[in-house]
Amino acid sequence: MNASVLHVEQLDTAYGQTQILRGVSFEVRPREIVAILGRNGAGKTTLLRSIMGLTPARSGLVQFKAADITRLPTYEIAALGISARALRRMPTLLRGSSSAPTP
């Protein structure tokens, strides 16, 4: 049995009093490709933001390679290799490059 690379367990996230994610659980094992599907407003982006620490989870667990990253700051999560398109632009911005970052 392979250990999961990403493990999300009973993740709950809300914006103010509005509950967006409730009890989301899944695993991504080595060499797996996972797609997140859902209608508009279903919480797909909130799920990714919660995994990356941009929208803190109210409860639940996010593990990357068996390490708990649920409460880590976003920059530490990005340093582990978990990022989104916007975070890929960060090194260019931090270097002060005048060239426009590529998407």
N, C-alpha and C. Protein backbone atom coordinates (compact mmCIF):
# COMPACT_ATOMS: atom_id res chain seq x y z
N MET A 1 0.83 -1.18 0.00
CA MET A 1 0.00 0.00 0.00
C MET A 1 0.88 1.25 0.00
N ASN A 2 0.65 2.14 -0.97
CA ASN A 2 1.41 3.39 -1.06
C ASN A 2 0.86 4.43 -0.09
N ALA A 3 1.76 5.20 0.51
CA ALA A 3 1.32 6.30 1.36
C ALA A 3 0.84 7.43 0.47
N SER A 4 -0.13 8.17 0.94
CA SER A 4 -0.65 9.27 0.12
C SER A 4 0.32 10.44 0.11
N VAL A 5 0.34 11.14 -1.02
CA VAL A 5 1.14 12.35 -1.14
C VAL A 5 0.37 13.51 -0.52
N LEU A 6 -0.92 13.56 -0.79
CA LEU A 6 -1.79 14.58 -0.22
C LEU A 6 -2.99 13.89 0.42
N HIS A 7 -3.24 14.22 1.66
CA HIS A 7 -4.35 13.62 2.41
C HIS A 7 -5.17 14.76 3.02
N VAL A 8 -6.44 14.82 2.67
CA VAL A 8 -7.36 15.81 3.23
C VAL A 8 -8.45 15.04 3.96
N GLU A 9 -8.69 15.42 5.22
CA GLU A 9 -9.65 14.68 6.04
C GLU A 9 -10.60 15.63 6.76
N GLN A 10 -11.90 15.47 6.51
CA GLN A 10 -12.96 16.20 7.20
C GLN A 10 -12.72 17.72 7.22
N LEU A 11 -12.34 18.26 6.06
CA LEU A 11 -12.01 19.68 5.95
C LEU A 11 -13.29 20.52 5.93
N ASP A 12 -13.36 21.50 6.83
CA ASP A 12 -14.46 22.46 6.89
C ASP A 12 -13.88 23.86 6.72
N THR A 13 -14.45 24.64 5.82
CA THR A 13 -14.01 26.01 5.59
C THR A 13 -15.22 26.89 5.39
N ALA A 14 -15.14 28.11 5.91
CA ALA A 14 -16.25 29.05 5.77
C ALA A 14 -15.70 30.45 5.52
N TYR A 15 -16.53 31.27 4.90
CA TYR A 15 -16.27 32.71 4.78
C TYR A 15 -17.28 33.37 5.71
N GLY A 16 -16.80 33.90 6.82
CA GLY A 16 -17.71 34.46 7.81
C GLY A 16 -18.62 33.37 8.35
N GLN A 17 -19.92 33.61 8.29
CA GLN A 17 -20.90 32.63 8.76
C GLN A 17 -21.34 31.65 7.67
N THR A 18 -20.83 31.83 6.45
CA THR A 18 -21.25 31.00 5.32
C THR A 18 -20.33 29.79 5.17
N GLN A 19 -20.85 28.63 5.48
CA GLN A 19 -20.10 27.37 5.36
C GLN A 19 -19.94 27.03 3.87
N ILE A 20 -18.71 26.83 3.42
CA ILE A 20 -18.44 26.51 2.02
C ILE A 20 -18.07 25.03 1.86
N LEU A 21 -17.15 24.56 2.67
CA LEU A 21 -16.74 23.15 2.64
C LEU A 21 -17.18 22.48 3.93
N ARG A 22 -17.73 21.29 3.80
CA ARG A 22 -18.19 20.55 4.98
C ARG A 22 -17.77 19.10 4.85
N GLY A 23 -16.80 18.70 5.66
CA GLY A 23 -16.40 17.30 5.73
C GLY A 23 -15.75 16.74 4.47
N VAL A 24 -14.96 17.56 3.76
CA VAL A 24 -14.31 17.10 2.53
C VAL A 24 -13.12 16.21 2.88
N SER A 25 -13.08 15.02 2.29
CA SER A 25 -11.99 14.08 2.52
C SER A 25 -11.59 13.43 1.20
N PHE A 26 -10.28 13.31 0.97
CA PHE A 26 -9.77 12.58 -0.19
C PHE A 26 -8.27 12.37 -0.02
N GLU A 27 -7.73 11.48 -0.83
CA GLU A 27 -6.29 11.22 -0.85
C GLU A 27 -5.80 11.26 -2.29
N VAL A 28 -4.55 11.69 -2.43
CA VAL A 28 -3.87 11.59 -3.72
C VAL A 28 -2.63 10.75 -3.47
N ARG A 29 -2.56 9.64 -4.15
CA ARG A 29 -1.42 8.72 -4.01
C ARG A 29 -0.38 9.00 -5.08
N PRO A 30 0.83 8.53 -4.89
CA PRO A 30 1.87 8.75 -5.90
C PRO A 30 1.41 8.30 -7.28
N ARG A 31 1.72 9.10 -8.28
CA ARG A 31 1.44 8.86 -9.69
C ARG A 31 -0.04 8.95 -10.05
N GLU A 32 -0.88 9.40 -9.13
CA GLU A 32 -2.29 9.60 -9.43
C GLU A 32 -2.52 11.01 -9.96
N ILE A 33 -3.52 11.14 -10.79
CA ILE A 33 -4.00 12.44 -11.25
C ILE A 33 -5.43 12.57 -10.76
N VAL A 34 -5.72 13.66 -10.09
CA VAL A 34 -7.04 13.87 -9.51
C VAL A 34 -7.64 15.14 -10.08
N ALA A 35 -8.91 15.08 -10.44
CA ALA A 35 -9.64 16.25 -10.93
C ALA A 35 -10.70 16.62 -9.91
N ILE A 36 -10.89 17.91 -9.72
CA ILE A 36 -11.94 18.41 -8.84
C ILE A 36 -13.02 19.01 -9.74
N LEU A 37 -14.19 18.41 -9.70
CA LEU A 37 -15.29 18.84 -10.56
C LEU A 37 -16.45 19.32 -9.72
N GLY A 38 -17.21 20.25 -10.26
CA GLY A 38 -18.41 20.72 -9.58
C GLY A 38 -18.97 21.95 -10.27
N ARG A 39 -20.20 22.24 -9.98
CA ARG A 39 -20.86 23.40 -10.57
C ARG A 39 -20.27 24.68 -9.97
N ASN A 40 -20.62 25.82 -10.57
CA ASN A 40 -20.20 27.11 -10.03
C ASN A 40 -20.68 27.25 -8.59
N GLY A 41 -19.78 27.70 -7.73
CA GLY A 41 -20.15 27.91 -6.34
C GLY A 41 -20.11 26.66 -5.47
N ALA A 42 -19.61 25.56 -6.01
CA ALA A 42 -19.60 24.31 -5.25
C ALA A 42 -18.46 24.24 -4.23
N GLY A 43 -17.44 25.11 -4.36
CA GLY A 43 -16.34 25.11 -3.40
C GLY A 43 -15.02 24.61 -3.95
N LYS A 44 -14.89 24.46 -5.26
CA LYS A 44 -13.64 23.95 -5.85
C LYS A 44 -12.46 24.88 -5.54
N THR A 45 -12.64 26.15 -5.78
CA THR A 45 -11.57 27.12 -5.53
C THR A 45 -11.30 27.23 -4.04
N THR A 46 -12.34 27.23 -3.22
CA THR A 46 -12.15 27.29 -1.77
C THR A 46 -11.37 26.08 -1.28
N LEU A 47 -11.61 24.91 -1.85
CA LEU A 47 -10.85 23.72 -1.48
C LEU A 47 -9.37 23.93 -1.76
N LEU A 48 -9.04 24.40 -2.96
CA LEU A 48 -7.63 24.63 -3.30
C LEU A 48 -7.03 25.71 -2.42
N ARG A 49 -7.77 26.78 -2.16
CA ARG A 49 -7.28 27.85 -1.28
C ARG A 49 -7.06 27.34 0.15
N SER A 50 -7.91 26.44 0.60
CA SER A 50 -7.74 25.88 1.95
C SER A 50 -6.51 24.98 2.02
N ILE A 51 -6.29 24.19 0.98
CA ILE A 51 -5.09 23.33 0.95
C ILE A 51 -3.83 24.18 0.97
N MET A 52 -3.85 25.31 0.26
CA MET A 52 -2.68 26.18 0.17
C MET A 52 -2.57 27.16 1.33
N GLY A 53 -3.54 27.16 2.24
CA GLY A 53 -3.47 28.04 3.40
C GLY A 53 -3.93 29.46 3.14
N LEU A 54 -4.50 29.73 1.97
CA LEU A 54 -4.98 31.07 1.66
C LEU A 54 -6.31 31.38 2.33
N THR A 55 -7.13 30.37 2.49
CA THR A 55 -8.39 30.47 3.22
C THR A 55 -8.34 29.42 4.32
N PRO A 56 -8.04 29.82 5.55
CA PRO A 56 -7.84 28.85 6.62
C PRO A 56 -9.05 27.95 6.86
N ALA A 57 -8.78 26.69 7.07
CA ALA A 57 -9.83 25.73 7.40
C ALA A 57 -10.27 25.95 8.84
N ARG A 58 -11.57 25.82 9.07
CA ARG A 58 -12.08 25.90 10.45
C ARG A 58 -11.76 24.63 11.22
N SER A 59 -11.81 23.50 10.51
CA SER A 59 -11.46 22.23 11.14
C SER A 59 -11.04 21.26 10.05
N GLY A 60 -10.47 20.15 10.47
CA GLY A 60 -10.02 19.14 9.53
C GLY A 60 -8.51 19.07 9.47
N LEU A 61 -8.03 18.29 8.53
CA LEU A 61 -6.61 18.00 8.43
C LEU A 61 -6.17 18.02 6.97
N VAL A 62 -5.03 18.65 6.72
CA VAL A 62 -4.39 18.59 5.41
C VAL A 62 -2.96 18.11 5.64
N GLN A 63 -2.60 16.99 5.03
CA GLN A 63 -1.24 16.45 5.16
C GLN A 63 -0.61 16.35 3.78
N PHE A 64 0.66 16.73 3.71
CA PHE A 64 1.45 16.59 2.49
C PHE A 64 2.65 15.72 2.84
N LYS A 65 2.75 14.57 2.18
CA LYS A 65 3.81 13.59 2.46
C LYS A 65 3.87 13.29 3.95
N ALA A 66 2.71 13.07 4.55
CA ALA A 66 2.53 12.68 5.96
C ALA A 66 2.78 13.81 6.96
N ALA A 67 3.14 15.01 6.51
CA ALA A 67 3.35 16.14 7.42
C ALA A 67 2.09 16.99 7.47
N ASP A 68 1.68 17.37 8.66
CA ASP A 68 0.49 18.20 8.84
C ASP A 68 0.81 19.63 8.39
N ILE A 69 0.11 20.09 7.36
CA ILE A 69 0.33 21.45 6.85
C ILE A 69 -0.91 22.32 7.06
N THR A 70 -1.87 21.83 7.82
CA THR A 70 -3.16 22.50 7.97
C THR A 70 -3.00 23.94 8.44
N ARG A 71 -2.14 24.21 9.35
CA ARG A 71 -2.01 25.56 9.93
C ARG A 71 -0.73 26.28 9.51
N LEU A 72 0.00 25.73 8.56
CA LEU A 72 1.22 26.41 8.11
C LEU A 72 0.87 27.66 7.33
N PRO A 73 1.74 28.68 7.37
CA PRO A 73 1.52 29.85 6.53
C PRO A 73 1.68 29.48 5.05
N THR A 74 1.02 30.22 4.20
CA THR A 74 1.01 29.92 2.77
C THR A 74 2.41 29.84 2.18
N TYR A 75 3.32 30.74 2.56
CA TYR A 75 4.66 30.72 1.98
C TYR A 75 5.41 29.42 2.31
N GLU A 76 5.14 28.83 3.48
CA GLU A 76 5.78 27.56 3.82
C GLU A 76 5.16 26.42 3.02
N ILE A 77 3.87 26.47 2.78
CA ILE A 77 3.20 25.45 1.96
C ILE A 77 3.72 25.54 0.53
N ALA A 78 3.86 26.75 0.00
CA ALA A 78 4.40 26.93 -1.35
C ALA A 78 5.83 26.41 -1.45
N ALA A 79 6.61 26.60 -0.40
CA ALA A 79 7.99 26.12 -0.41
C ALA A 79 8.07 24.59 -0.47
N LEU A 80 7.01 23.92 -0.02
CA LEU A 80 6.96 22.46 -0.11
C LEU A 80 6.62 21.98 -1.52
N GLY A 81 6.17 22.89 -2.37
CA GLY A 81 5.84 22.53 -3.74
C GLY A 81 4.36 22.56 -4.07
N ILE A 82 3.54 22.95 -3.10
CA ILE A 82 2.10 23.08 -3.35
C ILE A 82 1.85 24.53 -3.71
N SER A 83 1.37 24.77 -4.92
CA SER A 83 1.15 26.15 -5.33
C SER A 83 0.03 26.23 -6.36
N ALA A 84 -0.30 27.44 -6.71
CA ALA A 84 -1.28 27.71 -7.75
C ALA A 84 -0.64 28.67 -8.74
N ARG A 85 -1.33 28.94 -9.80
CA ARG A 85 -0.80 29.80 -10.86
C ARG A 85 -0.29 31.13 -10.30
N ALA A 86 -1.04 31.73 -9.40
CA ALA A 86 -0.62 33.02 -8.84
C ALA A 86 0.69 32.89 -8.06
N LEU A 87 0.87 31.78 -7.36
CA LEU A 87 2.08 31.60 -6.58
C LEU A 87 3.30 31.36 -7.45
N ARG A 88 3.12 30.86 -8.68
CA ARG A 88 4.26 30.66 -9.58
C ARG A 88 4.88 32.00 -9.95
N ARG A 89 4.10 33.07 -9.89
CA ARG A 89 4.61 34.39 -10.24
C ARG A 89 5.42 35.01 -9.12
N MET A 90 5.30 34.51 -7.91
CA MET A 90 5.92 35.12 -6.76
C MET A 90 7.43 35.27 -6.87
N PRO A 91 8.22 34.28 -7.31
CA PRO A 91 9.67 34.48 -7.38
C PRO A 91 10.06 35.65 -8.27
N THR A 92 9.36 35.85 -9.38
CA THR A 92 9.65 36.97 -10.26
C THR A 92 9.36 38.28 -9.55
N LEU A 93 8.25 38.34 -8.85
CA LEU A 93 7.89 39.55 -8.13
C LEU A 93 8.88 39.86 -7.03
N LEU A 94 9.35 38.83 -6.33
CA LEU A 94 10.29 39.03 -5.23
C LEU A 94 11.66 39.47 -5.71
N ARG A 95 12.06 39.05 -6.93
CA ARG A 95 13.34 39.46 -7.49
C ARG A 95 13.31 40.89 -7.99
N GLY A 96 12.09 41.45 -8.14
CA GLY A 96 11.98 42.82 -8.62
C GLY A 96 12.17 42.92 -10.12
N SER A 97 11.94 41.85 -10.85
CA SER A 97 12.10 41.85 -12.28
C SER A 97 11.11 42.80 -12.92
N SER A 98 11.55 43.51 -13.94
CA SER A 98 10.65 44.41 -14.63
C SER A 98 9.89 43.71 -15.74
N SER A 99 10.28 42.48 -16.07
CA SER A 99 9.56 41.77 -17.12
C SER A 99 8.27 41.19 -16.54
N ALA A 100 7.26 41.08 -17.39
CA ALA A 100 5.98 40.54 -16.96
C ALA A 100 6.10 39.04 -16.76
N PRO A 101 5.55 38.52 -15.66
CA PRO A 101 5.59 37.07 -15.43
C PRO A 101 4.72 36.35 -16.45
N THR A 102 5.11 35.13 -16.77
CA THR A 102 4.34 34.33 -17.70
C THR A 102 3.27 33.57 -16.96
N PRO A 103 2.12 33.36 -17.58
CA PRO A 103 1.04 32.63 -16.91
C PRO A 103 1.34 31.17 -16.73
